[in-house]
N, C-alpha and C. Protein backbone atom coordinates (compact mmCIF):
# COMPACT_ATOMS: atom_id res chain seq x y z
N HIS A 1 5.32 12.85 -2.05
CA HIS A 1 4.07 12.23 -2.43
C HIS A 1 3.14 12.16 -1.23
N TRP A 2 1.91 11.85 -1.48
CA TRP A 2 0.90 11.91 -0.42
C TRP A 2 0.58 10.55 0.21
N THR A 3 1.16 9.48 -0.27
CA THR A 3 0.84 8.16 0.27
C THR A 3 1.16 8.05 1.77
N PRO A 4 2.30 8.56 2.26
CA PRO A 4 2.53 8.48 3.71
C PRO A 4 1.43 9.18 4.52
N GLN A 5 0.91 10.27 4.01
CA GLN A 5 -0.17 10.97 4.70
C GLN A 5 -1.45 10.14 4.68
N LEU A 6 -1.73 9.49 3.55
CA LEU A 6 -2.91 8.62 3.46
C LEU A 6 -2.78 7.45 4.43
N ILE A 7 -1.59 6.88 4.52
CA ILE A 7 -1.37 5.77 5.46
C ILE A 7 -1.62 6.24 6.88
N ASP A 8 -1.12 7.42 7.22
CA ASP A 8 -1.35 7.98 8.56
C ASP A 8 -2.83 8.21 8.82
N LEU A 9 -3.53 8.81 7.87
CA LEU A 9 -4.96 9.07 8.03
C LEU A 9 -5.77 7.77 8.12
N ALA A 10 -5.25 6.70 7.50
CA ALA A 10 -5.93 5.40 7.52
C ALA A 10 -5.62 4.62 8.80
N GLY A 11 -4.81 5.19 9.67
CA GLY A 11 -4.50 4.52 10.94
C GLY A 11 -3.26 3.66 10.89
N GLY A 12 -2.41 3.89 9.91
CA GLY A 12 -1.16 3.15 9.81
C GLY A 12 0.02 4.07 10.07
N PHE A 13 1.22 3.51 9.94
CA PHE A 13 2.45 4.28 10.09
C PHE A 13 3.40 3.84 9.00
N ASP A 14 3.77 4.75 8.13
CA ASP A 14 4.66 4.43 7.01
C ASP A 14 6.10 4.40 7.54
N VAL A 15 6.70 3.21 7.58
CA VAL A 15 8.05 3.07 8.14
C VAL A 15 9.14 3.44 7.13
N LEU A 16 8.78 3.68 5.88
CA LEU A 16 9.79 3.97 4.86
C LEU A 16 9.56 5.26 4.08
N GLY A 17 8.34 5.75 4.03
CA GLY A 17 8.04 6.95 3.26
C GLY A 17 7.90 8.16 4.16
N PHE A 18 8.09 9.32 3.56
CA PHE A 18 7.97 10.57 4.30
C PHE A 18 7.06 11.52 3.52
N ALA A 19 6.11 12.10 4.21
CA ALA A 19 5.16 13.00 3.58
C ALA A 19 5.87 14.12 2.83
N GLY A 20 5.44 14.35 1.61
CA GLY A 20 5.99 15.44 0.81
C GLY A 20 7.29 15.11 0.11
N GLU A 21 7.88 13.98 0.40
CA GLU A 21 9.14 13.59 -0.24
C GLU A 21 8.86 12.68 -1.42
N ALA A 22 9.77 12.65 -2.35
CA ALA A 22 9.63 11.78 -3.52
C ALA A 22 9.75 10.31 -3.08
N SER A 23 9.07 9.45 -3.81
CA SER A 23 9.23 8.02 -3.59
C SER A 23 10.64 7.64 -4.00
N GLU A 24 11.16 6.60 -3.39
CA GLU A 24 12.48 6.16 -3.79
C GLU A 24 12.54 4.64 -3.86
N GLN A 25 13.42 4.17 -4.70
CA GLN A 25 13.64 2.75 -4.84
C GLN A 25 14.68 2.34 -3.82
N MET A 26 14.47 1.18 -3.15
CA MET A 26 15.44 0.73 -2.17
C MET A 26 15.58 -0.78 -2.22
N ALA A 27 16.68 -1.24 -1.68
CA ALA A 27 16.98 -2.68 -1.67
C ALA A 27 16.04 -3.40 -0.70
N TRP A 28 15.77 -4.66 -1.02
CA TRP A 28 14.87 -5.46 -0.19
C TRP A 28 15.37 -5.59 1.23
N ASP A 29 16.68 -5.64 1.44
CA ASP A 29 17.19 -5.79 2.81
C ASP A 29 16.87 -4.55 3.65
N LEU A 30 16.81 -3.38 3.03
CA LEU A 30 16.43 -2.17 3.76
C LEU A 30 14.94 -2.20 4.12
N VAL A 31 14.13 -2.75 3.23
CA VAL A 31 12.70 -2.88 3.53
C VAL A 31 12.54 -3.84 4.72
N ALA A 32 13.22 -4.96 4.68
CA ALA A 32 13.13 -5.93 5.78
C ALA A 32 13.65 -5.33 7.09
N ALA A 33 14.70 -4.52 7.02
CA ALA A 33 15.26 -3.90 8.23
C ALA A 33 14.28 -2.94 8.89
N ALA A 34 13.33 -2.40 8.13
CA ALA A 34 12.32 -1.51 8.69
C ALA A 34 11.27 -2.27 9.48
N LYS A 35 11.26 -3.60 9.36
CA LYS A 35 10.34 -4.48 10.09
C LYS A 35 8.87 -4.10 9.91
N PRO A 36 8.40 -4.05 8.67
CA PRO A 36 6.99 -3.69 8.46
C PRO A 36 6.06 -4.78 8.95
N GLU A 37 4.95 -4.39 9.54
CA GLU A 37 3.91 -5.36 9.93
C GLU A 37 3.07 -5.73 8.72
N VAL A 38 2.83 -4.74 7.87
CA VAL A 38 2.02 -4.91 6.67
C VAL A 38 2.77 -4.23 5.53
N VAL A 39 2.82 -4.90 4.39
CA VAL A 39 3.36 -4.28 3.18
C VAL A 39 2.17 -4.02 2.27
N VAL A 40 2.03 -2.78 1.85
CA VAL A 40 0.95 -2.40 0.95
C VAL A 40 1.56 -2.11 -0.41
N CYS A 41 1.18 -2.90 -1.40
CA CYS A 41 1.69 -2.74 -2.76
C CYS A 41 0.71 -1.89 -3.55
N ILE A 42 1.12 -0.68 -3.88
CA ILE A 42 0.30 0.25 -4.65
C ILE A 42 1.16 0.84 -5.75
N PRO A 43 1.56 0.02 -6.73
CA PRO A 43 2.43 0.57 -7.77
C PRO A 43 1.73 1.67 -8.57
N CYS A 44 2.42 2.76 -8.71
CA CYS A 44 1.88 3.94 -9.37
C CYS A 44 1.46 3.63 -10.81
N GLY A 45 0.22 3.95 -11.12
CA GLY A 45 -0.28 3.81 -12.47
C GLY A 45 -0.74 2.41 -12.84
N TYR A 46 -0.67 1.45 -11.92
CA TYR A 46 -1.11 0.09 -12.22
C TYR A 46 -2.48 -0.16 -11.62
N ASP A 47 -3.33 -0.84 -12.38
CA ASP A 47 -4.62 -1.24 -11.84
C ASP A 47 -4.42 -2.43 -10.90
N ALA A 48 -5.48 -2.86 -10.24
CA ALA A 48 -5.36 -3.92 -9.24
C ALA A 48 -4.83 -5.22 -9.83
N GLU A 49 -5.30 -5.58 -11.02
CA GLU A 49 -4.87 -6.83 -11.64
C GLU A 49 -3.38 -6.82 -11.94
N GLU A 50 -2.88 -5.73 -12.51
CA GLU A 50 -1.45 -5.65 -12.83
C GLU A 50 -0.62 -5.51 -11.55
N ALA A 51 -1.12 -4.79 -10.57
CA ALA A 51 -0.41 -4.66 -9.29
C ALA A 51 -0.27 -6.03 -8.63
N LEU A 52 -1.32 -6.84 -8.68
CA LEU A 52 -1.26 -8.19 -8.12
C LEU A 52 -0.25 -9.04 -8.89
N ARG A 53 -0.25 -8.91 -10.21
CA ARG A 53 0.71 -9.67 -11.02
C ARG A 53 2.15 -9.28 -10.65
N GLN A 54 2.38 -7.99 -10.51
CA GLN A 54 3.72 -7.51 -10.12
C GLN A 54 4.10 -8.00 -8.72
N ALA A 55 3.17 -7.95 -7.79
CA ALA A 55 3.44 -8.41 -6.43
C ALA A 55 3.79 -9.90 -6.43
N ARG A 56 3.08 -10.67 -7.22
CA ARG A 56 3.37 -12.11 -7.28
C ARG A 56 4.74 -12.39 -7.87
N LEU A 57 5.19 -11.54 -8.80
CA LEU A 57 6.54 -11.68 -9.35
C LEU A 57 7.60 -11.49 -8.27
N HIS A 58 7.28 -10.70 -7.27
CA HIS A 58 8.22 -10.38 -6.19
C HIS A 58 7.80 -10.98 -4.85
N GLU A 59 6.94 -11.98 -4.90
CA GLU A 59 6.36 -12.53 -3.67
C GLU A 59 7.42 -13.02 -2.68
N ALA A 60 8.44 -13.69 -3.14
CA ALA A 60 9.47 -14.19 -2.22
C ALA A 60 10.15 -13.03 -1.49
N ASP A 61 10.47 -11.97 -2.21
CA ASP A 61 11.08 -10.79 -1.58
C ASP A 61 10.12 -10.11 -0.62
N LEU A 62 8.85 -10.01 -1.02
CA LEU A 62 7.85 -9.40 -0.14
C LEU A 62 7.70 -10.19 1.15
N ARG A 63 7.65 -11.51 1.04
CA ARG A 63 7.52 -12.34 2.24
C ARG A 63 8.77 -12.28 3.11
N ALA A 64 9.93 -12.11 2.49
CA ALA A 64 11.18 -12.03 3.24
C ALA A 64 11.26 -10.79 4.12
N THR A 65 10.37 -9.83 3.92
CA THR A 65 10.35 -8.65 4.78
C THR A 65 9.88 -8.99 6.19
N GLY A 66 9.22 -10.14 6.33
CA GLY A 66 8.69 -10.54 7.63
C GLY A 66 7.33 -9.96 7.95
N ALA A 67 6.75 -9.24 7.02
CA ALA A 67 5.42 -8.66 7.25
C ALA A 67 4.40 -9.77 7.45
N ARG A 68 3.46 -9.54 8.36
CA ARG A 68 2.42 -10.53 8.62
C ARG A 68 1.37 -10.55 7.51
N GLU A 69 1.33 -9.46 6.72
CA GLU A 69 0.33 -9.36 5.67
C GLU A 69 0.88 -8.55 4.50
N ILE A 70 0.52 -8.98 3.29
CA ILE A 70 0.90 -8.27 2.08
C ILE A 70 -0.39 -7.96 1.33
N ILE A 71 -0.65 -6.69 1.13
CA ILE A 71 -1.89 -6.22 0.54
C ILE A 71 -1.59 -5.52 -0.78
N VAL A 72 -2.47 -5.73 -1.75
CA VAL A 72 -2.32 -5.10 -3.06
C VAL A 72 -3.56 -4.23 -3.31
N LEU A 73 -3.33 -2.98 -3.72
CA LEU A 73 -4.42 -2.05 -4.01
C LEU A 73 -4.24 -1.44 -5.39
N ASP A 74 -5.31 -0.91 -5.94
CA ASP A 74 -5.34 -0.32 -7.27
C ASP A 74 -4.79 1.10 -7.23
N GLY A 75 -3.52 1.24 -7.56
CA GLY A 75 -2.88 2.55 -7.53
C GLY A 75 -3.44 3.50 -8.57
N SER A 76 -3.72 2.99 -9.75
CA SER A 76 -4.21 3.83 -10.83
C SER A 76 -5.54 4.48 -10.49
N ALA A 77 -6.44 3.70 -9.91
CA ALA A 77 -7.79 4.22 -9.63
C ALA A 77 -7.84 5.12 -8.41
N TYR A 78 -7.02 4.83 -7.38
CA TYR A 78 -7.25 5.48 -6.09
C TYR A 78 -6.08 6.22 -5.46
N PHE A 79 -4.89 6.14 -6.03
CA PHE A 79 -3.74 6.72 -5.33
C PHE A 79 -2.81 7.56 -6.20
N SER A 80 -2.81 7.36 -7.51
CA SER A 80 -1.80 7.97 -8.37
C SER A 80 -2.11 9.39 -8.82
N ARG A 81 -3.35 9.80 -8.76
CA ARG A 81 -3.74 11.11 -9.28
C ARG A 81 -4.43 11.93 -8.19
N PRO A 82 -4.16 13.23 -8.15
CA PRO A 82 -4.87 14.06 -7.18
C PRO A 82 -6.34 14.19 -7.58
N GLY A 83 -7.19 14.25 -6.60
CA GLY A 83 -8.62 14.42 -6.87
C GLY A 83 -9.46 13.68 -5.85
N PRO A 84 -10.76 13.71 -6.05
CA PRO A 84 -11.70 13.12 -5.09
C PRO A 84 -11.52 11.61 -4.88
N ARG A 85 -10.98 10.91 -5.87
CA ARG A 85 -10.81 9.46 -5.72
C ARG A 85 -9.77 9.12 -4.67
N LEU A 86 -8.96 10.09 -4.26
CA LEU A 86 -8.02 9.83 -3.16
C LEU A 86 -8.79 9.49 -1.88
N ILE A 87 -9.96 10.06 -1.70
CA ILE A 87 -10.80 9.74 -0.54
C ILE A 87 -11.25 8.27 -0.62
N ASP A 88 -11.60 7.81 -1.81
CA ASP A 88 -11.95 6.40 -1.99
C ASP A 88 -10.75 5.53 -1.65
N GLY A 89 -9.56 5.97 -2.08
CA GLY A 89 -8.34 5.23 -1.75
C GLY A 89 -8.09 5.20 -0.26
N LEU A 90 -8.30 6.32 0.41
CA LEU A 90 -8.13 6.40 1.86
C LEU A 90 -9.08 5.43 2.56
N GLU A 91 -10.34 5.41 2.13
CA GLU A 91 -11.31 4.51 2.75
C GLU A 91 -10.94 3.04 2.50
N THR A 92 -10.48 2.75 1.30
CA THR A 92 -10.06 1.38 0.97
C THR A 92 -8.84 0.99 1.79
N LEU A 93 -7.88 1.89 1.90
CA LEU A 93 -6.67 1.63 2.68
C LEU A 93 -6.99 1.44 4.16
N ALA A 94 -7.87 2.27 4.71
CA ALA A 94 -8.25 2.13 6.12
C ALA A 94 -8.89 0.77 6.38
N HIS A 95 -9.74 0.33 5.47
CA HIS A 95 -10.34 -0.99 5.61
C HIS A 95 -9.29 -2.09 5.48
N ALA A 96 -8.35 -1.93 4.56
CA ALA A 96 -7.30 -2.93 4.37
C ALA A 96 -6.45 -3.08 5.63
N LEU A 97 -6.16 -1.96 6.30
CA LEU A 97 -5.34 -1.99 7.51
C LEU A 97 -6.12 -2.41 8.75
N HIS A 98 -7.41 -2.10 8.78
CA HIS A 98 -8.24 -2.35 9.97
C HIS A 98 -9.60 -2.93 9.55
N PRO A 99 -9.62 -4.13 8.96
CA PRO A 99 -10.87 -4.65 8.41
C PRO A 99 -11.98 -4.87 9.43
N ALA A 100 -11.63 -5.12 10.67
CA ALA A 100 -12.66 -5.34 11.69
C ALA A 100 -13.25 -4.02 12.19
N ALA A 101 -12.53 -2.93 12.01
CA ALA A 101 -12.97 -1.65 12.56
C ALA A 101 -13.50 -0.67 11.53
N VAL A 102 -13.13 -0.86 10.25
CA VAL A 102 -13.49 0.10 9.22
C VAL A 102 -14.28 -0.61 8.12
N PRO A 103 -15.43 -0.09 7.75
CA PRO A 103 -16.21 -0.72 6.67
C PRO A 103 -15.43 -0.72 5.36
N ALA A 104 -15.77 -1.63 4.50
CA ALA A 104 -15.09 -1.75 3.20
C ALA A 104 -15.23 -0.46 2.42
N GLY A 105 -14.15 -0.04 1.79
CA GLY A 105 -14.17 1.10 0.90
C GLY A 105 -14.57 0.65 -0.49
N PRO A 106 -14.56 1.55 -1.45
CA PRO A 106 -15.00 1.21 -2.80
C PRO A 106 -14.00 0.35 -3.57
N GLY A 107 -12.73 0.35 -3.16
CA GLY A 107 -11.72 -0.40 -3.89
C GLY A 107 -11.57 -1.81 -3.39
N GLU A 108 -11.07 -2.66 -4.27
CA GLU A 108 -10.83 -4.06 -3.93
C GLU A 108 -9.51 -4.16 -3.15
N VAL A 109 -9.52 -4.97 -2.09
CA VAL A 109 -8.33 -5.25 -1.31
C VAL A 109 -7.92 -6.68 -1.62
N LEU A 110 -6.74 -6.83 -2.23
CA LEU A 110 -6.23 -8.14 -2.58
C LEU A 110 -5.08 -8.48 -1.66
N ALA A 111 -4.96 -9.73 -1.27
CA ALA A 111 -3.87 -10.17 -0.42
C ALA A 111 -3.13 -11.30 -1.10
N ILE A 112 -1.83 -11.33 -0.88
CA ILE A 112 -1.05 -12.46 -1.40
C ILE A 112 -0.44 -13.21 -0.24
């Protein structure tokens, strides 16, 4: 998948994903062991509202990763399909990771 590449282009480092590899499901303890600074929740095919609802269902596990920030983005609009909207997703992601340095992108950045 292309999300690790988008994270890299946005100025981040994906500690669990690998460019061109399939996404995989993993246990929460493995996520915590990766010591993420930021967790970005972009569930495939979910809009921002549903992604936020899903993140809140798992909020305790997300917080247990030790990340200083948990961000929710609209996967359906900006990340799940190939096309020009991936650029909008990249701009939104860059702002989410570096809000002081990158102007807001077109997508909403939600935090829990």
